[in-house]
């Protein structure tokens, strides 16, 4: 019957880990990551949950003759911020999956 206690212990560990994961996931939402483009002419701020919170564009980069460049800068800054959010998520949530072979967790 030794196996049963071991199983319960494992279940407790899993529940504890799930709680910690949920908390880490929640805390990610409070993080702010800033992506920039054009040497800081365009900045985009996203949360750790990849929600775009702010888009800031410096006046001097606004050229009615070259809207495409502005669109490219906004795109680049957004992708930069989202990439940082991904990296943060991977490093934050990765600590839970280290050493465990759980396919399909993330």
PDB file of N, CA and C in Angstrom:
ATOM      1  N   UNK A   1       0.816  -1.219   0.000  1.00  0.00           N
ATOM      2  CA  UNK A   1       0.000   0.000   0.000  1.00  0.00           C
ATOM      3  C   UNK A   1       0.849   1.268   0.000  1.00  0.00           C
ATOM      4  N   UNK A   2       2.159   1.106  -0.011  1.00  0.00           N
ATOM      5  CA  UNK A   2       3.037   2.284   0.015  1.00  0.00           C
ATOM      6  C   UNK A   2       2.792   3.218  -1.167  1.00  0.00           C
ATOM      7  N   UNK A   3       2.408   2.624  -2.283  1.00  0.00           N
ATOM      8  CA  UNK A   3       2.198   3.411  -3.499  1.00  0.00           C
ATOM      9  C   UNK A   3       1.129   4.481  -3.349  1.00  0.00           C
ATOM     10  N   UNK A   4       0.120   4.235  -2.511  1.00  0.00           N
ATOM     11  CA  UNK A   4      -0.984   5.186  -2.354  1.00  0.00           C
ATOM     12  C   UNK A   4      -0.528   6.503  -1.741  1.00  0.00           C
ATOM     13  N   UNK A   5       0.255   6.417  -0.662  1.00  0.00           N
ATOM     14  CA  UNK A   5       0.750   7.639  -0.018  1.00  0.00           C
ATOM     15  C   UNK A   5       1.594   8.462  -0.975  1.00  0.00           C
ATOM     16  N   UNK A   6       2.391   7.762  -1.750  1.00  0.00           N
ATOM     17  CA  UNK A   6       3.231   8.407  -2.747  1.00  0.00           C
ATOM     18  C   UNK A   6       2.368   9.146  -3.766  1.00  0.00           C
ATOM     19  N   UNK A   7       1.293   8.516  -4.192  1.00  0.00           N
ATOM     20  CA  UNK A   7       0.373   9.087  -5.168  1.00  0.00           C
ATOM     21  C   UNK A   7      -0.283  10.351  -4.596  1.00  0.00           C
ATOM     22  N   UNK A   8      -0.709  10.276  -3.330  1.00  0.00           N
ATOM     23  CA  UNK A   8      -1.321  11.448  -2.691  1.00  0.00           C
ATOM     24  C   UNK A   8      -0.317  12.590  -2.598  1.00  0.00           C
ATOM     25  N   UNK A   9       0.902  12.238  -2.241  1.00  0.00           N
ATOM     26  CA  UNK A   9       1.957  13.255  -2.163  1.00  0.00           C
ATOM     27  C   UNK A   9       2.157  13.931  -3.509  1.00  0.00           C
ATOM     28  N   UNK A  10       2.145  13.136  -4.567  1.00  0.00           N
ATOM     29  CA  UNK A  10       2.293  13.677  -5.919  1.00  0.00           C
ATOM     30  C   UNK A  10       1.132  14.595  -6.269  1.00  0.00           C
ATOM     31  N   UNK A  11      -0.076  14.198  -5.892  1.00  0.00           N
ATOM     32  CA  UNK A  11      -1.257  15.010  -6.173  1.00  0.00           C
ATOM     33  C   UNK A  11      -1.164  16.353  -5.445  1.00  0.00           C
ATOM     34  N   UNK A  12      -0.713  16.308  -4.193  1.00  0.00           N
ATOM     35  CA  UNK A  12      -0.552  17.553  -3.416  1.00  0.00           C
ATOM     36  C   UNK A  12       0.461  18.471  -4.102  1.00  0.00           C
ATOM     37  N   UNK A  13       1.576  17.884  -4.550  1.00  0.00           N
ATOM     38  CA  UNK A  13       2.607  18.652  -5.252  1.00  0.00           C
ATOM     39  C   UNK A  13       2.020  19.305  -6.499  1.00  0.00           C
ATOM     40  N   UNK A  14       1.243  18.534  -7.246  1.00  0.00           N
ATOM     41  CA  UNK A  14       0.638  19.042  -8.473  1.00  0.00           C
ATOM     42  C   UNK A  14      -0.310  20.197  -8.176  1.00  0.00           C
ATOM     43  N   UNK A  15      -1.129  20.042  -7.120  1.00  0.00           N
ATOM     44  CA  UNK A  15      -2.071  21.107  -6.755  1.00  0.00           C
ATOM     45  C   UNK A  15      -1.312  22.367  -6.355  1.00  0.00           C
ATOM     46  N   UNK A  16      -0.257  22.181  -5.585  1.00  0.00           N
ATOM     47  CA  UNK A  16       0.550  23.319  -5.147  1.00  0.00           C
ATOM     48  C   UNK A  16       1.161  24.019  -6.366  1.00  0.00           C
ATOM     49  N   UNK A  17       1.655  23.203  -7.298  1.00  0.00           N
ATOM     50  CA  UNK A  17       2.261  23.756  -8.496  1.00  0.00           C
ATOM     51  C   UNK A  17       1.229  24.490  -9.346  1.00  0.00           C
ATOM     52  N   UNK A  18       0.031  23.929  -9.433  1.00  0.00           N
ATOM     53  CA  UNK A  18      -1.023  24.583 -10.212  1.00  0.00           C
ATOM     54  C   UNK A  18      -1.349  25.950  -9.637  1.00  0.00           C
ATOM     55  N   UNK A  19      -1.388  26.032  -8.296  1.00  0.00           N
ATOM     56  CA  UNK A  19      -1.651  27.299  -7.627  1.00  0.00           C
ATOM     57  C   UNK A  19      -0.552  28.308  -7.962  1.00  0.00           C
ATOM     58  N   UNK A  20       0.687  27.847  -7.870  1.00  0.00           N
ATOM     59  CA  UNK A  20       1.825  28.729  -8.169  1.00  0.00           C
ATOM     60  C   UNK A  20       1.806  29.172  -9.629  1.00  0.00           C
ATOM     61  N   UNK A  21       1.435  28.253 -10.516  1.00  0.00           N
ATOM     62  CA  UNK A  21       1.365  28.592 -11.936  1.00  0.00           C
ATOM     63  C   UNK A  21       0.289  29.639 -12.187  1.00  0.00           C
ATOM     64  N   UNK A  22      -0.865  29.459 -11.552  1.00  0.00           N
ATOM     65  CA  UNK A  22      -1.966  30.414 -11.723  1.00  0.00           C
ATOM     66  C   UNK A  22      -1.542  31.793 -11.234  1.00  0.00           C
ATOM     67  N   UNK A  23      -0.828  31.811 -10.112  1.00  0.00           N
ATOM     68  CA  UNK A  23      -0.364  33.083  -9.551  1.00  0.00           C
ATOM     69  C   UNK A  23       0.664  33.733 -10.480  1.00  0.00           C
ATOM     70  N   UNK A  24       1.589  32.933 -10.983  1.00  0.00           N
ATOM     71  CA  UNK A  24       2.609  33.460 -11.901  1.00  0.00           C
ATOM     72  C   UNK A  24       1.949  34.015 -13.153  1.00  0.00           C
ATOM     73  N   UNK A  25       0.938  33.296 -13.646  1.00  0.00           N
ATOM     74  CA  UNK A  25       0.211  33.719 -14.841  1.00  0.00           C
ATOM     75  C   UNK A  25      -0.475  35.069 -14.585  1.00  0.00           C
ATOM     76  N   UNK A  26      -1.064  35.208 -13.403  1.00  0.00           N
ATOM     77  CA  UNK A  26      -1.736  36.448 -13.025  1.00  0.00           C
ATOM     78  C   UNK A  26      -0.733  37.600 -12.940  1.00  0.00           C
ATOM     79  N   UNK A  27       0.414  37.328 -12.321  1.00  0.00           N
ATOM     80  CA  UNK A  27       1.441  38.359 -12.168  1.00  0.00           C
ATOM     81  C   UNK A  27       1.976  38.820 -13.520  1.00  0.00           C
ATOM     82  N   UNK A  28       1.977  37.920 -14.493  1.00  0.00           N
ATOM     83  CA  UNK A  28       2.420  38.303 -15.842  1.00  0.00           C
ATOM     84  C   UNK A  28       1.558  39.447 -16.376  1.00  0.00           C
ATOM     85  N   UNK A  29       0.274  39.410 -16.041  1.00  0.00           N
ATOM     86  CA  UNK A  29      -0.636  40.447 -16.509  1.00  0.00           C
ATOM     87  C   UNK A  29      -0.298  41.822 -15.969  1.00  0.00           C
ATOM     88  N   UNK A  30       0.400  41.862 -14.823  1.00  0.00           N
ATOM     89  CA  UNK A  30       0.771  43.148 -14.216  1.00  0.00           C
ATOM     90  C   UNK A  30       2.075  43.701 -14.789  1.00  0.00           C
ATOM     91  N   UNK A  31       2.817  42.862 -15.508  1.00  0.00           N
ATOM     92  CA  UNK A  31       4.095  43.302 -16.064  1.00  0.00           C
ATOM     93  C   UNK A  31       3.864  44.214 -17.260  1.00  0.00           C
ATOM     94  N   UNK A  32       4.768  45.164 -17.432  1.00  0.00           N
ATOM     95  CA  UNK A  32       4.712  46.089 -18.564  1.00  0.00           C
ATOM     96  C   UNK A  32       5.993  45.942 -19.369  1.00  0.00           C
ATOM     97  N   UNK A  33       5.851  45.732 -20.673  1.00  0.00           N
ATOM     98  CA  UNK A  33       7.014  45.581 -21.541  1.00  0.00           C
ATOM     99  C   UNK A  33       6.926  46.635 -22.633  1.00  0.00           C
ATOM    100  N   UNK A  34       8.061  47.242 -22.923  1.00  0.00           N
ATOM    101  CA  UNK A  34       8.065  48.333 -23.884  1.00  0.00           C
ATOM    102  C   UNK A  34       8.855  47.960 -25.124  1.00  0.00           C
ATOM    103  N   UNK A  35       8.200  48.050 -26.257  1.00  0.00           N
ATOM    104  CA  UNK A  35       8.868  47.842 -27.537  1.00  0.00           C
ATOM    105  C   UNK A  35       9.082  49.193 -28.178  1.00  0.00           C
ATOM    106  N   UNK A  36      10.216  49.340 -28.866  1.00  0.00           N
ATOM    107  CA  UNK A  36      10.488  50.627 -29.509  1.00  0.00           C
ATOM    108  C   UNK A  36      10.918  50.408 -30.952  1.00  0.00           C
ATOM    109  N   UNK A  37      10.779  51.456 -31.739  1.00  0.00           N
ATOM    110  CA  UNK A  37      11.247  51.436 -33.121  1.00  0.00           C
ATOM    111  C   UNK A  37      11.627  52.856 -33.499  1.00  0.00           C
ATOM    112  N   UNK A  38      12.462  52.958 -34.509  1.00  0.00           N
ATOM    113  CA  UNK A  38      12.882  54.288 -34.974  1.00  0.00           C
ATOM    114  C   UNK A  38      13.631  55.045 -33.902  1.00  0.00           C
ATOM    115  N   UNK A  39      14.472  54.346 -33.144  1.00  0.00           N
ATOM    116  CA  UNK A  39      15.257  55.010 -32.101  1.00  0.00           C
ATOM    117  C   UNK A  39      14.389  55.637 -31.032  1.00  0.00           C
ATOM    118  N   UNK A  40      13.279  55.001 -30.717  1.00  0.00           N
ATOM    119  CA  UNK A  40      12.408  55.510 -29.664  1.00  0.00           C
ATOM    120  C   UNK A  40      11.340  56.471 -30.164  1.00  0.00           C
ATOM    121  N   UNK A  41      11.264  56.656 -31.471  1.00  0.00           N
ATOM    122  CA  UNK A  41      10.240  57.549 -32.037  1.00  0.00           C
ATOM    123  C   UNK A  41       8.845  56.960 -31.826  1.00  0.00           C
ATOM    124  N   UNK A  42       8.789  55.627 -31.837  1.00  0.00           N
ATOM    125  CA  UNK A  42       7.523  54.939 -31.592  1.00  0.00           C
ATOM    126  C   UNK A  42       7.754  53.950 -30.462  1.00  0.00           C
ATOM    127  N   UNK A  43       6.920  54.023 -29.431  1.00  0.00           N
ATOM    128  CA  UNK A  43       6.992  53.025 -28.359  1.00  0.00           C
ATOM    129  C   UNK A  43       5.618  52.400 -28.178  1.00  0.00           C
ATOM    130  N   UNK A  44       5.642  51.102 -27.923  1.00  0.00           N
ATOM    131  CA  UNK A  44       4.406  50.369 -27.677  1.00  0.00           C
ATOM    132  C   UNK A  44       4.588  49.636 -26.362  1.00  0.00           C
ATOM    133  N   UNK A  45       3.613  49.772 -25.479  1.00  0.00           N
ATOM    134  CA  UNK A  45       3.674  49.102 -24.185  1.00  0.00           C
ATOM    135  C   UNK A  45       2.602  48.020 -24.153  1.00  0.00           C
ATOM    136  N   UNK A  46       3.041  46.804 -23.797  1.00  0.00           N
ATOM    137  CA  UNK A  46       2.102  45.689 -23.694  1.00  0.00           C
ATOM    138  C   UNK A  46       2.200  45.102 -22.297  1.00  0.00           C
ATOM    139  N   UNK A  47       1.149  44.381 -21.907  1.00  0.00           N
ATOM    140  CA  UNK A  47       1.182  43.668 -20.634  1.00  0.00           C
ATOM    141  C   UNK A  47       1.810  42.303 -20.874  1.00  0.00           C
ATOM    142  N   UNK A  48       2.120  41.611 -19.787  1.00  0.00           N
ATOM    143  CA  UNK A  48       2.637  40.261 -19.904  1.00  0.00           C
ATOM    144  C   UNK A  48       1.632  39.305 -20.521  1.00  0.00           C
ATOM    145  N   UNK A  49       0.372  39.718 -20.586  1.00  0.00           N
ATOM    146  CA  UNK A  49      -0.665  38.917 -21.238  1.00  0.00           C
ATOM    147  C   UNK A  49      -0.844  39.307 -22.699  1.00  0.00           C
ATOM    148  N   UNK A  50       0.095  40.084 -23.199  1.00  0.00           N
ATOM    149  CA  UNK A  50       0.131  40.503 -24.608  1.00  0.00           C
ATOM    150  C   UNK A  50      -1.041  41.392 -25.006  1.00  0.00           C
ATOM    151  N   UNK A  51      -1.484  42.219 -24.088  1.00  0.00           N
ATOM    152  CA  UNK A  51      -2.481  43.230 -24.430  1.00  0.00           C
ATOM    153  C   UNK A  51      -1.715  44.512 -24.714  1.00  0.00           C
ATOM    154  N   UNK A  52      -2.029  45.170 -25.823  1.00  0.00           N
ATOM    155  CA  UNK A  52      -1.399  46.450 -26.115  1.00  0.00           C
ATOM    156  C   UNK A  52      -2.066  47.496 -25.229  1.00  0.00           C
ATOM    157  N   UNK A  53      -1.254  48.159 -24.402  1.00  0.00           N
ATOM    158  CA  UNK A  53      -1.784  49.128 -23.444  1.00  0.00           C
ATOM    159  C   UNK A  53      -1.605  50.562 -23.918  1.00  0.00           C
ATOM    160  N   UNK A  54      -0.478  50.812 -24.580  1.00  0.00           N
ATOM    161  CA  UNK A  54      -0.186  52.176 -25.034  1.00  0.00           C
ATOM    162  C   UNK A  54       0.567  52.150 -26.344  1.00  0.00           C
ATOM    163  N   UNK A  55       0.284  53.138 -27.182  1.00  0.00           N
ATOM    164  CA  UNK A  55       1.086  53.374 -28.376  1.00  0.00           C
ATOM    165  C   UNK A  55       1.460  54.849 -28.326  1.00  0.00           C
ATOM    166  N   UNK A  56       2.759  55.123 -28.294  1.00  0.00           N
ATOM    167  CA  UNK A  56       3.222  56.503 -28.251  1.00  0.00           C
ATOM    168  C   UNK A  56       4.030  56.811 -29.505  1.00  0.00           C
ATOM    169  N   UNK A  57       3.650  57.912 -30.162  1.00  0.00           N
ATOM    170  CA  UNK A  57       4.328  58.302 -31.399  1.00  0.00           C
ATOM    171  C   UNK A  57       4.812  59.737 -31.243  1.00  0.00           C
ATOM    172  N   UNK A  58       6.115  59.949 -31.410  1.00  0.00           N
ATOM    173  CA  UNK A  58       6.659  61.309 -31.323  1.00  0.00           C
ATOM    174  C   UNK A  58       6.220  62.092 -32.553  1.00  0.00           C
ATOM    175  N   UNK A  59       5.888  63.342 -32.309  1.00  0.00           N
ATOM    176  CA  UNK A  59       5.349  64.202 -33.359  1.00  0.00           C
ATOM    177  C   UNK A  59       6.231  64.278 -34.597  1.00  0.00           C
ATOM    178  N   UNK A  60       7.551  64.346 -34.363  1.00  0.00           N
ATOM    179  CA  UNK A  60       8.464  64.551 -35.503  1.00  0.00           C
ATOM    180  C   UNK A  60       8.534  63.371 -36.470  1.00  0.00           C
ATOM    181  N   UNK A  61       8.005  62.229 -36.076  1.00  0.00           N
ATOM    182  CA  UNK A  61       8.045  61.076 -36.971  1.00  0.00           C
ATOM    183  C   UNK A  61       6.789  61.014 -37.848  1.00  0.00           C
ATOM    184  N   UNK A  62       5.823  61.872 -37.540  1.00  0.00           N
ATOM    185  CA  UNK A  62       4.578  61.883 -38.310  1.00  0.00           C
ATOM    186  C   UNK A  62       4.780  62.701 -39.586  1.00  0.00           C
ATOM    187  N   UNK A  63       4.786  61.993 -40.702  1.00  0.00           N
ATOM    188  CA  UNK A  63       4.965  62.633 -42.003  1.00  0.00           C
ATOM    189  C   UNK A  63       3.803  62.211 -42.886  1.00  0.00           C
ATOM    190  N   UNK A  64       2.877  63.142 -43.149  1.00  0.00           N
ATOM    191  CA  UNK A  64       1.696  62.797 -43.960  1.00  0.00           C
ATOM    192  C   UNK A  64       2.087  62.230 -45.329  1.00  0.00           C
ATOM    193  N   UNK A  65       3.298  62.570 -45.787  1.00  0.00           N
ATOM    194  CA  UNK A  65       3.764  62.074 -47.084  1.00  0.00           C
ATOM    195  C   UNK A  65       4.225  60.617 -46.983  1.00  0.00           C
ATOM    196  N   UNK A  66       4.518  60.156 -45.763  1.00  0.00           N
ATOM    197  CA  UNK A  66       5.086  58.813 -45.604  1.00  0.00           C
ATOM    198  C   UNK A  66       4.401  58.044 -44.479  1.00  0.00           C
ATOM    199  N   UNK A  67       3.121  57.806 -44.674  1.00  0.00           N
ATOM    200  CA  UNK A  67       2.335  57.069 -43.686  1.00  0.00           C
ATOM    201  C   UNK A  67       2.878  55.646 -43.532  1.00  0.00           C
ATOM    202  N   UNK A  68       3.362  55.071 -44.650  1.00  0.00           N
ATOM    203  CA  UNK A  68       3.863  53.698 -44.615  1.00  0.00           C
ATOM    204  C   UNK A  68       5.001  53.519 -43.625  1.00  0.00           C
ATOM    205  N   UNK A  69       5.905  54.479 -43.576  1.00  0.00           N
ATOM    206  CA  UNK A  69       7.025  54.375 -42.644  1.00  0.00           C
ATOM    207  C   UNK A  69       6.504  54.345 -41.204  1.00  0.00           C
ATOM    208  N   UNK A  70       5.526  55.206 -40.914  1.00  0.00           N
ATOM    209  CA  UNK A  70       4.944  55.260 -39.580  1.00  0.00           C
ATOM    210  C   UNK A  70       4.278  53.921 -39.234  1.00  0.00           C
ATOM    211  N   UNK A  71       3.545  53.364 -40.186  1.00  0.00           N
ATOM    212  CA  UNK A  71       2.894  52.063 -39.972  1.00  0.00           C
ATOM    213  C   UNK A  71       3.937  50.994 -39.685  1.00  0.00           C
ATOM    214  N   UNK A  72       5.050  51.017 -40.438  1.00  0.00           N
ATOM    215  CA  UNK A  72       6.129  50.046 -40.228  1.00  0.00           C
ATOM    216  C   UNK A  72       6.732  50.187 -38.841  1.00  0.00           C
ATOM    217  N   UNK A  73       6.910  51.431 -38.388  1.00  0.00           N
ATOM    218  CA  UNK A  73       7.487  51.670 -37.061  1.00  0.00           C
ATOM    219  C   UNK A  73       6.557  51.159 -35.962  1.00  0.00           C
ATOM    220  N   UNK A  74       5.258  51.420 -36.114  1.00  0.00           N
ATOM    221  CA  UNK A  74       4.282  50.955 -35.124  1.00  0.00           C
ATOM    222  C   UNK A  74       4.290  49.421 -35.085  1.00  0.00           C
ATOM    223  N   UNK A  75       4.330  48.818 -36.267  1.00  0.00           N
ATOM    224  CA  UNK A  75       4.379  47.366 -36.374  1.00  0.00           C
ATOM    225  C   UNK A  75       5.640  46.814 -35.703  1.00  0.00           C
ATOM    226  N   UNK A  76       6.770  47.418 -36.002  1.00  0.00           N
ATOM    227  CA  UNK A  76       8.047  46.949 -35.442  1.00  0.00           C
ATOM    228  C   UNK A  76       8.059  47.093 -33.920  1.00  0.00           C
ATOM    229  N   UNK A  77       7.575  48.213 -33.410  1.00  0.00           N
ATOM    230  CA  UNK A  77       7.553  48.442 -31.961  1.00  0.00           C
ATOM    231  C   UNK A  77       6.610  47.451 -31.283  1.00  0.00           C
ATOM    232  N   UNK A  78       5.468  47.188 -31.912  1.00  0.00           N
ATOM    233  CA  UNK A  78       4.499  46.238 -31.351  1.00  0.00           C
ATOM    234  C   UNK A  78       5.099  44.838 -31.309  1.00  0.00           C
ATOM    235  N   UNK A  79       5.719  44.421 -32.400  1.00  0.00           N
ATOM    236  CA  UNK A  79       6.331  43.093 -32.438  1.00  0.00           C
ATOM    237  C   UNK A  79       7.469  42.975 -31.431  1.00  0.00           C
ATOM    238  N   UNK A  80       8.218  44.048 -31.245  1.00  0.00           N
ATOM    239  CA  UNK A  80       9.309  44.057 -30.260  1.00  0.00           C
ATOM    240  C   UNK A  80       8.736  43.833 -28.858  1.00  0.00           C
ATOM    241  N   UNK A  81       7.678  44.552 -28.536  1.00  0.00           N
ATOM    242  CA  UNK A  81       7.056  44.428 -27.211  1.00  0.00           C
ATOM    243  C   UNK A  81       6.468  43.026 -27.013  1.00  0.00           C
ATOM    244  N   UNK A  82       5.808  42.492 -28.038  1.00  0.00           N
ATOM    245  CA  UNK A  82       5.201  41.163 -27.929  1.00  0.00           C
ATOM    246  C   UNK A  82       6.260  40.072 -27.789  1.00  0.00           C
ATOM    247  N   UNK A  83       7.391  40.265 -28.464  1.00  0.00           N
ATOM    248  CA  UNK A  83       8.487  39.295 -28.358  1.00  0.00           C
ATOM    249  C   UNK A  83       9.006  39.279 -26.919  1.00  0.00           C
ATOM    250  N   UNK A  84       9.125  40.458 -26.316  1.00  0.00           N
ATOM    251  CA  UNK A  84       9.561  40.541 -24.920  1.00  0.00           C
ATOM    252  C   UNK A  84       8.547  39.869 -23.991  1.00  0.00           C
ATOM    253  N   UNK A  85       7.258  40.059 -24.293  1.00  0.00           N
ATOM    254  CA  UNK A  85       6.207  39.422 -23.483  1.00  0.00           C
ATOM    255  C   UNK A  85       6.302  37.906 -23.592  1.00  0.00           C
ATOM    256  N   UNK A  86       6.575  37.409 -24.807  1.00  0.00           N
ATOM    257  CA  UNK A  86       6.751  35.965 -25.012  1.00  0.00           C
ATOM    258  C   UNK A  86       7.927  35.437 -24.199  1.00  0.00           C
ATOM    259  N   UNK A  87       9.044  36.167 -24.264  1.00  0.00           N
ATOM    260  CA  UNK A  87      10.240  35.732 -23.539  1.00  0.00           C
ATOM    261  C   UNK A  87       9.982  35.716 -22.039  1.00  0.00           C
ATOM    262  N   UNK A  88       9.276  36.730 -21.556  1.00  0.00           N
ATOM    263  CA  UNK A  88       8.956  36.789 -20.130  1.00  0.00           C
ATOM    264  C   UNK A  88       8.056  35.610 -19.745  1.00  0.00           C
ATOM    265  N   UNK A  89       7.046  35.340 -20.564  1.00  0.00           N
ATOM    266  CA  UNK A  89       6.139  34.221 -20.299  1.00  0.00           C
ATOM    267  C   UNK A  89       6.911  32.909 -20.273  1.00  0.00           C
ATOM    268  N   UNK A  90       7.782  32.716 -21.268  1.00  0.00           N
ATOM    269  CA  UNK A  90       8.553  31.477 -21.337  1.00  0.00           C
ATOM    270  C   UNK A  90       9.457  31.303 -20.130  1.00  0.00           C
ATOM    271  N   UNK A  91      10.129  32.384 -19.711  1.00  0.00           N
ATOM    272  CA  UNK A  91      11.030  32.236 -18.565  1.00  0.00           C
ATOM    273  C   UNK A  91      10.242  32.098 -17.263  1.00  0.00           C
ATOM    274  N   UNK A  92       9.105  32.788 -17.155  1.00  0.00           N
ATOM    275  CA  UNK A  92       8.291  32.701 -15.943  1.00  0.00           C
ATOM    276  C   UNK A  92       7.624  31.340 -15.829  1.00  0.00           C
ATOM    277  N   UNK A  93       6.981  30.897 -16.897  1.00  0.00           N
ATOM    278  CA  UNK A  93       6.230  29.646 -16.840  1.00  0.00           C
ATOM    279  C   UNK A  93       7.148  28.441 -17.034  1.00  0.00           C
ATOM    280  N   UNK A  94       8.300  28.654 -17.653  1.00  0.00           N
ATOM    281  CA  UNK A  94       9.240  27.569 -17.912  1.00  0.00           C
ATOM    282  C   UNK A  94       9.748  26.922 -16.641  1.00  0.00           C
ATOM    283  N   UNK A  95       9.819  27.707 -15.563  1.00  0.00           N
ATOM    284  CA  UNK A  95      10.298  27.155 -14.291  1.00  0.00           C
ATOM    285  C   UNK A  95       9.404  26.022 -13.794  1.00  0.00           C
ATOM    286  N   UNK A  96       8.141  26.034 -14.207  1.00  0.00           N
ATOM    287  CA  UNK A  96       7.206  25.003 -13.748  1.00  0.00           C
ATOM    288  C   UNK A  96       7.323  23.715 -14.552  1.00  0.00           C
ATOM    289  N   UNK A  97       7.768  23.852 -15.789  1.00  0.00           N
ATOM    290  CA  UNK A  97       7.805  22.671 -16.649  1.00  0.00           C
ATOM    291  C   UNK A  97       9.203  22.063 -16.717  1.00  0.00           C
ATOM    292  N   UNK A  98      10.193  22.754 -16.140  1.00  0.00           N
ATOM    293  CA  UNK A  98      11.554  22.221 -16.133  1.00  0.00           C
ATOM    294  C   UNK A  98      11.589  20.852 -15.471  1.00  0.00           C
ATOM    295  N   UNK A  99      12.236  19.922 -16.116  1.00  0.00           N
ATOM    296  CA  UNK A  99      12.387  18.611 -15.501  1.00  0.00           C
ATOM    297  C   UNK A  99      11.149  17.744 -15.578  1.00  0.00           C
ATOM    298  N   UNK A 100      10.069  18.294 -16.126  1.00  0.00           N
ATOM    299  CA  UNK A 100       8.856  17.477 -16.275  1.00  0.00           C
ATOM    300  C   UNK A 100       8.612  17.302 -17.756  1.00  0.00           C
ATOM    301  N   UNK A 101       8.264  16.143 -18.150  1.00  0.00           N
ATOM    302  CA  UNK A 101       7.980  15.932 -19.554  1.00  0.00           C
ATOM    303  C   UNK A 101       6.470  15.912 -19.742  1.00  0.00           C
ATOM    304  N   UNK A 102       5.890  17.088 -19.854  1.00  0.00           N
ATOM    305  CA  UNK A 102       4.431  17.180 -20.008  1.00  0.00           C
ATOM    306  C   UNK A 102       4.126  17.764 -21.387  1.00  0.00           C
ATOM    307  N   UNK A 103       3.964  16.941 -22.370  1.00  0.00           N
ATOM    308  CA  UNK A 103       3.655  17.476 -23.703  1.00  0.00           C
ATOM    309  C   UNK A 103       2.318  18.202 -23.690  1.00  0.00           C
ATOM    310  N   UNK A 104       2.275  19.297 -24.412  1.00  0.00           N
ATOM    311  CA  UNK A 104       1.026  20.020 -24.558  1.00  0.00           C
ATOM    312  C   UNK A 104       0.654  20.921 -23.383  1.00  0.00           C
ATOM    313  N   UNK A 105       1.572  21.134 -22.432  1.00  0.00           N
ATOM    314  CA  UNK A 105       1.252  22.030 -21.316  1.00  0.00           C
ATOM    315  C   UNK A 105       1.187  23.477 -21.799  1.00  0.00           C
ATOM    316  N   UNK A 106       2.179  23.876 -22.598  1.00  0.00           N
ATOM    317  CA  UNK A 106       2.185  25.263 -23.117  1.00  0.00           C
ATOM    318  C   UNK A 106       2.471  25.227 -24.599  1.00  0.00           C
TER     319      UNK A 106
END
